[in-house]
PDB file of N, CA and C in Angstrom:
ATOM      1  N   MET A   1     -45.698  29.549 -25.190  1.00  0.00           N
ATOM      2  CA  MET A   1     -45.313  29.042 -23.884  1.00  0.00           C
ATOM      3  C   MET A   1     -44.596  27.695 -24.007  1.00  0.00           C
ATOM      4  N   LEU A   2     -45.089  26.843 -24.882  1.00  0.00           N
ATOM      5  CA  LEU A   2     -44.483  25.535 -25.090  1.00  0.00           C
ATOM      6  C   LEU A   2     -43.088  25.681 -25.693  1.00  0.00           C
ATOM      7  N   VAL A   3     -42.922  26.649 -26.583  1.00  0.00           N
ATOM      8  CA  VAL A   3     -41.633  26.878 -27.215  1.00  0.00           C
ATOM      9  C   VAL A   3     -40.602  27.313 -26.165  1.00  0.00           C
ATOM     10  N   LEU A   4     -41.021  28.149 -25.226  1.00  0.00           N
ATOM     11  CA  LEU A   4     -40.125  28.612 -24.164  1.00  0.00           C
ATOM     12  C   LEU A   4     -39.664  27.445 -23.294  1.00  0.00           C
ATOM     13  N   LYS A   5     -40.565  26.535 -22.970  1.00  0.00           N
ATOM     14  CA  LYS A   5     -40.201  25.365 -22.163  1.00  0.00           C
ATOM     15  C   LYS A   5     -39.219  24.474 -22.907  1.00  0.00           C
ATOM     16  N   ILE A   6     -39.439  24.311 -24.215  1.00  0.00           N
ATOM     17  CA  ILE A   6     -38.537  23.475 -25.009  1.00  0.00           C
ATOM     18  C   ILE A   6     -37.154  24.117 -25.080  1.00  0.00           C
ATOM     19  N   LEU A   7     -37.077  25.423 -25.302  1.00  0.00           N
ATOM     20  CA  LEU A   7     -35.797  26.128 -25.354  1.00  0.00           C
ATOM     21  C   LEU A   7     -35.069  26.035 -24.010  1.00  0.00           C
ATOM     22  N   LEU A   8     -35.805  26.183 -22.933  1.00  0.00           N
ATOM     23  CA  LEU A   8     -35.209  26.077 -21.600  1.00  0.00           C
ATOM     24  C   LEU A   8     -34.665  24.664 -21.366  1.00  0.00           C
ATOM     25  N   ALA A   9     -35.422  23.644 -21.772  1.00  0.00           N
ATOM     26  CA  ALA A   9     -34.973  22.258 -21.602  1.00  0.00           C
ATOM     27  C   ALA A   9     -33.718  21.998 -22.431  1.00  0.00           C
ATOM     28  N   VAL A  10     -33.652  22.518 -23.650  1.00  0.00           N
ATOM     29  CA  VAL A  10     -32.475  22.334 -24.492  1.00  0.00           C
ATOM     30  C   VAL A  10     -31.278  23.048 -23.873  1.00  0.00           C
ATOM     31  N   ALA A  11     -31.470  24.248 -23.361  1.00  0.00           N
ATOM     32  CA  ALA A  11     -30.376  24.994 -22.739  1.00  0.00           C
ATOM     33  C   ALA A  11     -29.845  24.247 -21.512  1.00  0.00           C
ATOM     34  N   VAL A  12     -30.724  23.726 -20.678  1.00  0.00           N
ATOM     35  CA  VAL A  12     -30.302  22.968 -19.496  1.00  0.00           C
ATOM     36  C   VAL A  12     -29.549  21.707 -19.919  1.00  0.00           C
ATOM     37  N   ALA A  13     -30.021  21.028 -20.958  1.00  0.00           N
ATOM     38  CA  ALA A  13     -29.359  19.824 -21.442  1.00  0.00           C
ATOM     39  C   ALA A  13     -27.951  20.145 -21.949  1.00  0.00           C
ATOM     40  N   VAL A  14     -27.789  21.255 -22.659  1.00  0.00           N
ATOM     41  CA  VAL A  14     -26.469  21.643 -23.169  1.00  0.00           C
ATOM     42  C   VAL A  14     -25.521  21.958 -22.018  1.00  0.00           C
ATOM     43  N   VAL A  15     -26.007  22.673 -21.009  1.00  0.00           N
ATOM     44  CA  VAL A  15     -25.171  23.001 -19.852  1.00  0.00           C
ATOM     45  C   VAL A  15     -24.755  21.725 -19.117  1.00  0.00           C
ATOM     46  N   MET A  16     -25.683  20.806 -18.914  1.00  0.00           N
ATOM     47  CA  MET A  16     -25.349  19.554 -18.222  1.00  0.00           C
ATOM     48  C   MET A  16     -24.369  18.720 -19.040  1.00  0.00           C
ATOM     49  N   PHE A  17     -24.521  18.707 -20.351  1.00  0.00           N
ATOM     50  CA  PHE A  17     -23.612  17.967 -21.216  1.00  0.00           C
ATOM     51  C   PHE A  17     -22.200  18.540 -21.121  1.00  0.00           C
ATOM     52  N   ARG A  18     -22.077  19.863 -21.160  1.00  0.00           N
ATOM     53  CA  ARG A  18     -20.758  20.497 -21.061  1.00  0.00           C
ATOM     54  C   ARG A  18     -20.118  20.254 -19.698  1.00  0.00           C
ATOM     55  N   MET A  19     -20.922  20.293 -18.636  1.00  0.00           N
ATOM     56  CA  MET A  19     -20.373  20.026 -17.308  1.00  0.00           C
ATOM     57  C   MET A  19     -19.880  18.579 -17.219  1.00  0.00           C
ATOM     58  N   GLY A  20     -20.627  17.647 -17.797  1.00  0.00           N
ATOM     59  CA  GLY A  20     -20.211  16.251 -17.805  1.00  0.00           C
ATOM     60  C   GLY A  20     -18.914  16.049 -18.569  1.00  0.00           C
ATOM     61  N   LEU A  21     -18.779  16.712 -19.715  1.00  0.00           N
ATOM     62  CA  LEU A  21     -17.539  16.623 -20.480  1.00  0.00           C
ATOM     63  C   LEU A  21     -16.363  17.197 -19.698  1.00  0.00           C
ATOM     64  N   ALA A  22     -16.586  18.295 -18.990  1.00  0.00           N
ATOM     65  CA  ALA A  22     -15.513  18.900 -18.202  1.00  0.00           C
ATOM     66  C   ALA A  22     -15.046  17.942 -17.105  1.00  0.00           C
ATOM     67  N   VAL A  23     -15.972  17.267 -16.443  1.00  0.00           N
ATOM     68  CA  VAL A  23     -15.610  16.309 -15.395  1.00  0.00           C
ATOM     69  C   VAL A  23     -14.828  15.141 -15.999  1.00  0.00           C
ATOM     70  N   LEU A  24     -15.287  14.637 -17.135  1.00  0.00           N
ATOM     71  CA  LEU A  24     -14.577  13.529 -17.779  1.00  0.00           C
ATOM     72  C   LEU A  24     -13.175  13.944 -18.220  1.00  0.00           C
ATOM     73  N   ARG A  25     -13.006  15.163 -18.703  1.00  0.00           N
ATOM     74  CA  ARG A  25     -11.675  15.645 -19.092  1.00  0.00           C
ATOM     75  C   ARG A  25     -10.752  15.726 -17.883  1.00  0.00           C
ATOM     76  N   MET A  26     -11.283  16.187 -16.735  1.00  0.00           N
ATOM     77  CA  MET A  26     -10.455  16.256 -15.532  1.00  0.00           C
ATOM     78  C   MET A  26     -10.018  14.859 -15.093  1.00  0.00           C
ATOM     79  N   LEU A  27     -10.910  13.879 -15.193  1.00  0.00           N
ATOM     80  CA  LEU A  27     -10.570  12.521 -14.783  1.00  0.00           C
ATOM     81  C   LEU A  27      -9.584  11.876 -15.751  1.00  0.00           C
ATOM     82  N   ALA A  28      -9.622  12.264 -17.018  1.00  0.00           N
ATOM     83  CA  ALA A  28      -8.751  11.667 -18.027  1.00  0.00           C
ATOM     84  C   ALA A  28      -7.370  12.311 -18.070  1.00  0.00           C
ATOM     85  N   THR A  29      -7.185  13.457 -17.416  1.00  0.00           N
ATOM     86  CA  THR A  29      -5.892  14.129 -17.426  1.00  0.00           C
ATOM     87  C   THR A  29      -4.886  13.314 -16.629  1.00  0.00           C
ATOM     88  N   PRO A  30      -3.739  12.957 -17.226  1.00  0.00           N
ATOM     89  CA  PRO A  30      -2.761  12.149 -16.486  1.00  0.00           C
ATOM     90  C   PRO A  30      -2.115  12.956 -15.363  1.00  0.00           C
ATOM     91  N   LEU A  31      -1.653  12.248 -14.355  1.00  0.00           N
ATOM     92  CA  LEU A  31      -0.954  12.894 -13.245  1.00  0.00           C
ATOM     93  C   LEU A  31       0.382  13.445 -13.735  1.00  0.00           C
ATOM     94  N   PRO A  32       0.826  14.563 -13.189  1.00  0.00           N
ATOM     95  CA  PRO A  32       2.132  15.079 -13.600  1.00  0.00           C
ATOM     96  C   PRO A  32       3.239  14.125 -13.174  1.00  0.00           C
ATOM     97  N   GLU A  33       4.309  14.119 -13.940  1.00  0.00           N
ATOM     98  CA  GLU A  33       5.426  13.241 -13.612  1.00  0.00           C
ATOM     99  C   GLU A  33       6.087  13.715 -12.320  1.00  0.00           C
ATOM    100  N   PRO A  34       6.576  12.783 -11.506  1.00  0.00           N
ATOM    101  CA  PRO A  34       7.256  13.198 -10.275  1.00  0.00           C
ATOM    102  C   PRO A  34       8.541  13.941 -10.609  1.00  0.00           C
ATOM    103  N   PRO A  35       8.955  14.847  -9.740  1.00  0.00           N
ATOM    104  CA  PRO A  35      10.194  15.579 -10.017  1.00  0.00           C
ATOM    105  C   PRO A  35      11.385  14.636  -9.956  1.00  0.00           C
ATOM    106  N   PRO A  36      12.458  14.982 -10.641  1.00  0.00           N
ATOM    107  CA  PRO A  36      13.661  14.144 -10.559  1.00  0.00           C
ATOM    108  C   PRO A  36      14.136  14.024  -9.104  1.00  0.00           C
ATOM    109  N   ALA A  37      14.765  12.910  -8.805  1.00  0.00           N
ATOM    110  CA  ALA A  37      15.172  12.640  -7.420  1.00  0.00           C
ATOM    111  C   ALA A  37      16.089  13.718  -6.868  1.00  0.00           C
ATOM    112  N   GLY A  38      16.889  14.349  -7.690  1.00  0.00           N
ATOM    113  CA  GLY A  38      17.815  15.373  -7.221  1.00  0.00           C
ATOM    114  C   GLY A  38      17.137  16.676  -6.850  1.00  0.00           C
ATOM    115  N   GLU A  39      15.874  16.864  -7.222  1.00  0.00           N
ATOM    116  CA  GLU A  39      15.204  18.131  -6.951  1.00  0.00           C
ATOM    117  C   GLU A  39      14.407  18.129  -5.650  1.00  0.00           C
ATOM    118  N   LEU A  40      14.374  17.020  -4.943  1.00  0.00           N
ATOM    119  CA  LEU A  40      13.693  17.012  -3.647  1.00  0.00           C
ATOM    120  C   LEU A  40      14.560  17.740  -2.629  1.00  0.00           C
ATOM    121  N   ARG A  41      13.924  18.506  -1.775  1.00  0.00           N
ATOM    122  CA  ARG A  41      14.648  19.279  -0.763  1.00  0.00           C
ATOM    123  C   ARG A  41      14.379  18.690   0.613  1.00  0.00           C
ATOM    124  N   LYS A  42      15.379  18.767   1.457  1.00  0.00           N
ATOM    125  CA  LYS A  42      15.204  18.296   2.825  1.00  0.00           C
ATOM    126  C   LYS A  42      14.480  19.361   3.638  1.00  0.00           C
ATOM    127  N   VAL A  43      13.438  18.952   4.322  1.00  0.00           N
ATOM    128  CA  VAL A  43      12.700  19.831   5.238  1.00  0.00           C
ATOM    129  C   VAL A  43      12.451  19.046   6.515  1.00  0.00           C
ATOM    130  N   LYS A  44      12.218  19.740   7.597  1.00  0.00           N
ATOM    131  CA  LYS A  44      11.879  19.089   8.863  1.00  0.00           C
ATOM    132  C   LYS A  44      10.659  19.803   9.421  1.00  0.00           C
ATOM    133  N   LEU A  45       9.482  19.307   9.030  1.00  0.00           N
ATOM    134  CA  LEU A  45       8.224  19.908   9.457  1.00  0.00           C
ATOM    135  C   LEU A  45       7.373  18.851  10.148  1.00  0.00           C
ATOM    136  N   GLN A  46       6.664  19.251  11.171  1.00  0.00           N
ATOM    137  CA  GLN A  46       5.785  18.341  11.880  1.00  0.00           C
ATOM    138  C   GLN A  46       4.366  18.894  11.843  1.00  0.00           C
ATOM    139  N   TYR A  47       3.424  18.049  11.404  1.00  0.00           N
ATOM    140  CA  TYR A  47       2.025  18.448  11.278  1.00  0.00           C
ATOM    141  C   TYR A  47       1.171  17.602  12.203  1.00  0.00           C
ATOM    142  N   ARG A  48       0.009  18.154  12.578  1.00  0.00           N
ATOM    143  CA  ARG A  48      -0.925  17.428  13.444  1.00  0.00           C
ATOM    144  C   ARG A  48      -2.336  17.669  12.951  1.00  0.00           C
ATOM    145  N   CYS A  49      -3.136  16.602  12.891  1.00  0.00           N
ATOM    146  CA  CYS A  49      -4.546  16.700  12.503  1.00  0.00           C
ATOM    147  C   CYS A  49      -5.333  17.227  13.699  1.00  0.00           C
ATOM    148  N   SER A  50      -6.074  18.301  13.498  1.00  0.00           N
ATOM    149  CA  SER A  50      -6.826  18.900  14.599  1.00  0.00           C
ATOM    150  C   SER A  50      -8.056  18.069  14.970  1.00  0.00           C
ATOM    151  N   LEU A  51      -8.487  17.168  14.097  1.00  0.00           N
ATOM    152  CA  LEU A  51      -9.687  16.385  14.390  1.00  0.00           C
ATOM    153  C   LEU A  51      -9.388  15.093  15.141  1.00  0.00           C
ATOM    154  N   CYS A  52      -8.347  14.349  14.697  1.00  0.00           N
ATOM    155  CA  CYS A  52      -8.105  13.044  15.314  1.00  0.00           C
ATOM    156  C   CYS A  52      -6.772  12.951  16.052  1.00  0.00           C
ATOM    157  N   GLY A  53      -5.896  13.940  15.866  1.00  0.00           N
ATOM    158  CA  GLY A  53      -4.632  13.945  16.595  1.00  0.00           C
ATOM    159  C   GLY A  53      -3.481  13.222  15.910  1.00  0.00           C
ATOM    160  N   THR A  54      -3.670  12.732  14.696  1.00  0.00           N
ATOM    161  CA  THR A  54      -2.591  12.064  13.972  1.00  0.00           C
ATOM    162  C   THR A  54      -1.464  13.051  13.697  1.00  0.00           C
ATOM    163  N   GLU A  55      -0.232  12.620  13.922  1.00  0.00           N
ATOM    164  CA  GLU A  55       0.921  13.478  13.675  1.00  0.00           C
ATOM    165  C   GLU A  55       1.752  12.925  12.530  1.00  0.00           C
ATOM    166  N   VAL A  56       2.299  13.836  11.721  1.00  0.00           N
ATOM    167  CA  VAL A  56       3.116  13.467  10.569  1.00  0.00           C
ATOM    168  C   VAL A  56       4.363  14.330  10.567  1.00  0.00           C
ATOM    169  N   ARG A  57       5.517  13.695  10.297  1.00  0.00           N
ATOM    170  CA  ARG A  57       6.761  14.458  10.154  1.00  0.00           C
ATOM    171  C   ARG A  57       7.163  14.390   8.687  1.00  0.00           C
ATOM    172  N   MET A  58       7.344  15.541   8.054  1.00  0.00           N
ATOM    173  CA  MET A  58       7.750  15.613   6.661  1.00  0.00           C
ATOM    174  C   MET A  58       9.253  15.867   6.622  1.00  0.00           C
ATOM    175  N   THR A  59       9.958  15.007   5.897  1.00  0.00           N
ATOM    176  CA  THR A  59      11.411  15.136   5.852  1.00  0.00           C
ATOM    177  C   THR A  59      11.926  15.592   4.490  1.00  0.00           C
ATOM    178  N   VAL A  60      11.198  15.321   3.404  1.00  0.00           N
ATOM    179  CA  VAL A  60      11.576  15.796   2.072  1.00  0.00           C
ATOM    180  C   VAL A  60      10.334  16.323   1.365  1.00  0.00           C
ATOM    181  N   ALA A  61      10.542  17.328   0.522  1.00  0.00           N
ATOM    182  CA  ALA A  61       9.440  17.920  -0.231  1.00  0.00           C
ATOM    183  C   ALA A  61      10.004  18.511  -1.512  1.00  0.00           C
ATOM    184  N   THR A  62       9.100  18.850  -2.433  1.00  0.00           N
ATOM    185  CA  THR A  62       9.551  19.405  -3.708  1.00  0.00           C
ATOM    186  C   THR A  62       9.905  20.878  -3.602  1.00  0.00           C
ATOM    187  N   ASP A  63       9.444  21.564  -2.570  1.00  0.00           N
ATOM    188  CA  ASP A  63       9.874  22.947  -2.346  1.00  0.00           C
ATOM    189  C   ASP A  63      10.081  23.184  -0.851  1.00  0.00           C
ATOM    190  N   GLU A  64      10.619  24.337  -0.510  1.00  0.00           N
ATOM    191  CA  GLU A  64      10.996  24.595   0.884  1.00  0.00           C
ATOM    192  C   GLU A  64       9.804  24.891   1.789  1.00  0.00           C
ATOM    193  N   ALA A  65       8.699  25.349   1.201  1.00  0.00           N
ATOM    194  CA  ALA A  65       7.486  25.632   1.976  1.00  0.00           C
ATOM    195  C   ALA A  65       6.318  24.862   1.353  1.00  0.00           C
ATOM    196  N   PRO A  66       6.247  23.541   1.586  1.00  0.00           N
ATOM    197  CA  PRO A  66       5.200  22.733   0.948  1.00  0.00           C
ATOM    198  C   PRO A  66       3.825  22.999   1.557  1.00  0.00           C
ATOM    199  N   ASP A  67       2.792  22.676   0.781  1.00  0.00           N
ATOM    200  CA  ASP A  67       1.431  22.752   1.298  1.00  0.00           C
ATOM    201  C   ASP A  67       1.261  21.696   2.379  1.00  0.00           C
ATOM    202  N   PRO A  68       0.450  21.971   3.392  1.00  0.00           N
ATOM    203  CA  PRO A  68       0.261  20.973   4.452  1.00  0.00           C
ATOM    204  C   PRO A  68      -0.469  19.746   3.923  1.00  0.00           C
ATOM    205  N   PRO A  69      -0.143  18.562   4.458  1.00  0.00           N
ATOM    206  CA  PRO A  69      -0.862  17.355   4.043  1.00  0.00           C
ATOM    207  C   PRO A  69      -2.304  17.410   4.542  1.00  0.00           C
ATOM    208  N   ARG A  70      -3.171  16.594   3.924  1.00  0.00           N
ATOM    209  CA  ARG A  70      -4.582  16.554   4.312  1.00  0.00           C
ATOM    210  C   ARG A  70      -4.864  15.260   5.064  1.00  0.00           C
ATOM    211  N   HIS A  71      -5.675  15.371   6.108  1.00  0.00           N
ATOM    212  CA  HIS A  71      -6.101  14.213   6.882  1.00  0.00           C
ATOM    213  C   HIS A  71      -7.484  14.511   7.410  1.00  0.00           C
ATOM    214  N   CYS A  72      -8.355  13.544   7.464  1.00  0.00           N
ATOM    215  CA  CYS A  72      -9.751  13.731   7.898  1.00  0.00           C
ATOM    216  C   CYS A  72     -10.430  14.821   7.060  1.00  0.00           C
ATOM    217  N   MET A  73     -10.084  14.881   5.772  1.00  0.00           N
ATOM    218  CA  MET A  73     -10.662  15.825   4.820  1.00  0.00           C
ATOM    219  C   MET A  73     -10.366  17.285   5.152  1.00  0.00           C
ATOM    220  N   ASP A  74      -9.283  17.542   5.877  1.00  0.00           N
ATOM    221  CA  ASP A  74      -8.923  18.904   6.244  1.00  0.00           C
ATOM    222  C   ASP A  74      -7.400  19.026   6.257  1.00  0.00           C
ATOM    223  N   ASP A  75      -6.882  20.247   6.053  1.00  0.00           N
ATOM    224  CA  ASP A  75      -5.441  20.466   6.109  1.00  0.00           C
ATOM    225  C   ASP A  75      -4.944  20.251   7.533  1.00  0.00           C
ATOM    226  N   MET A  76      -3.768  19.649   7.666  1.00  0.00           N
ATOM    227  CA  MET A  76      -3.173  19.455   8.987  1.00  0.00           C
ATOM    228  C   MET A  76      -2.518  20.759   9.428  1.00  0.00           C
ATOM    229  N   GLU A  77      -2.362  20.939  10.721  1.00  0.00           N
ATOM    230  CA  GLU A  77      -1.781  22.160  11.275  1.00  0.00           C
ATOM    231  C   GLU A  77      -0.292  21.972  11.500  1.00  0.00           C
ATOM    232  N   LEU A  78       0.488  22.974  11.136  1.00  0.00           N
ATOM    233  CA  LEU A  78       1.929  22.934  11.353  1.00  0.00           C
ATOM    234  C   LEU A  78       2.205  23.094  12.839  1.00  0.00           C
ATOM    235  N   GLN A  79       2.916  22.119  13.431  1.00  0.00           N
ATOM    236  CA  GLN A  79       3.215  22.148  14.856  1.00  0.00           C
ATOM    237  C   GLN A  79       4.563  22.776  15.134  1.00  0.00           C
ATOM    238  N   ALA A  80       5.577  22.315  14.426  1.00  0.00           N
ATOM    239  CA  ALA A  80       6.927  22.814  14.712  1.00  0.00           C
ATOM    240  C   ALA A  80       7.806  22.591  13.504  1.00  0.00           C
ATOM    241  N   THR A  81       8.806  23.424  13.394  1.00  0.00           N
ATOM    242  CA  THR A  81       9.855  23.218  12.399  1.00  0.00           C
ATOM    243  C   THR A  81      11.109  22.884  13.169  1.00  0.00           C
ATOM    244  N   GLU A  82      11.654  21.705  12.937  1.00  0.00           N
ATOM    245  CA  GLU A  82      12.853  21.271  13.659  1.00  0.00           C
ATOM    246  C   GLU A  82      14.070  21.840  12.961  1.00  0.00           C
ATOM    247  N   GLU A  83      14.976  22.414  13.677  1.00  0.00           N
ATOM    248  CA  GLU A  83      16.181  23.008  13.096  1.00  0.00           C
ATOM    249  C   GLU A  83      17.372  22.147  13.382  1.00  0.00           C
TER     250      GLU A  83
END
């Protein structure tokens, strides 16, 4: 019975150690370099935060259908695309 408890404790310690290393590796990974200035695309999108009402207009992005910005820990809602 004592041997089983020791094996379980060692297994839990190994799992926690690996999880800690994974978190440290994620924090140590450098941010990707920004795209060259010529690769930004013009867009006209307007977003609104559903929680507080903050509005944002996006005028340039790295692709034509960018992910919505985050505000109040949630994705903002697309309001309109200006043509």
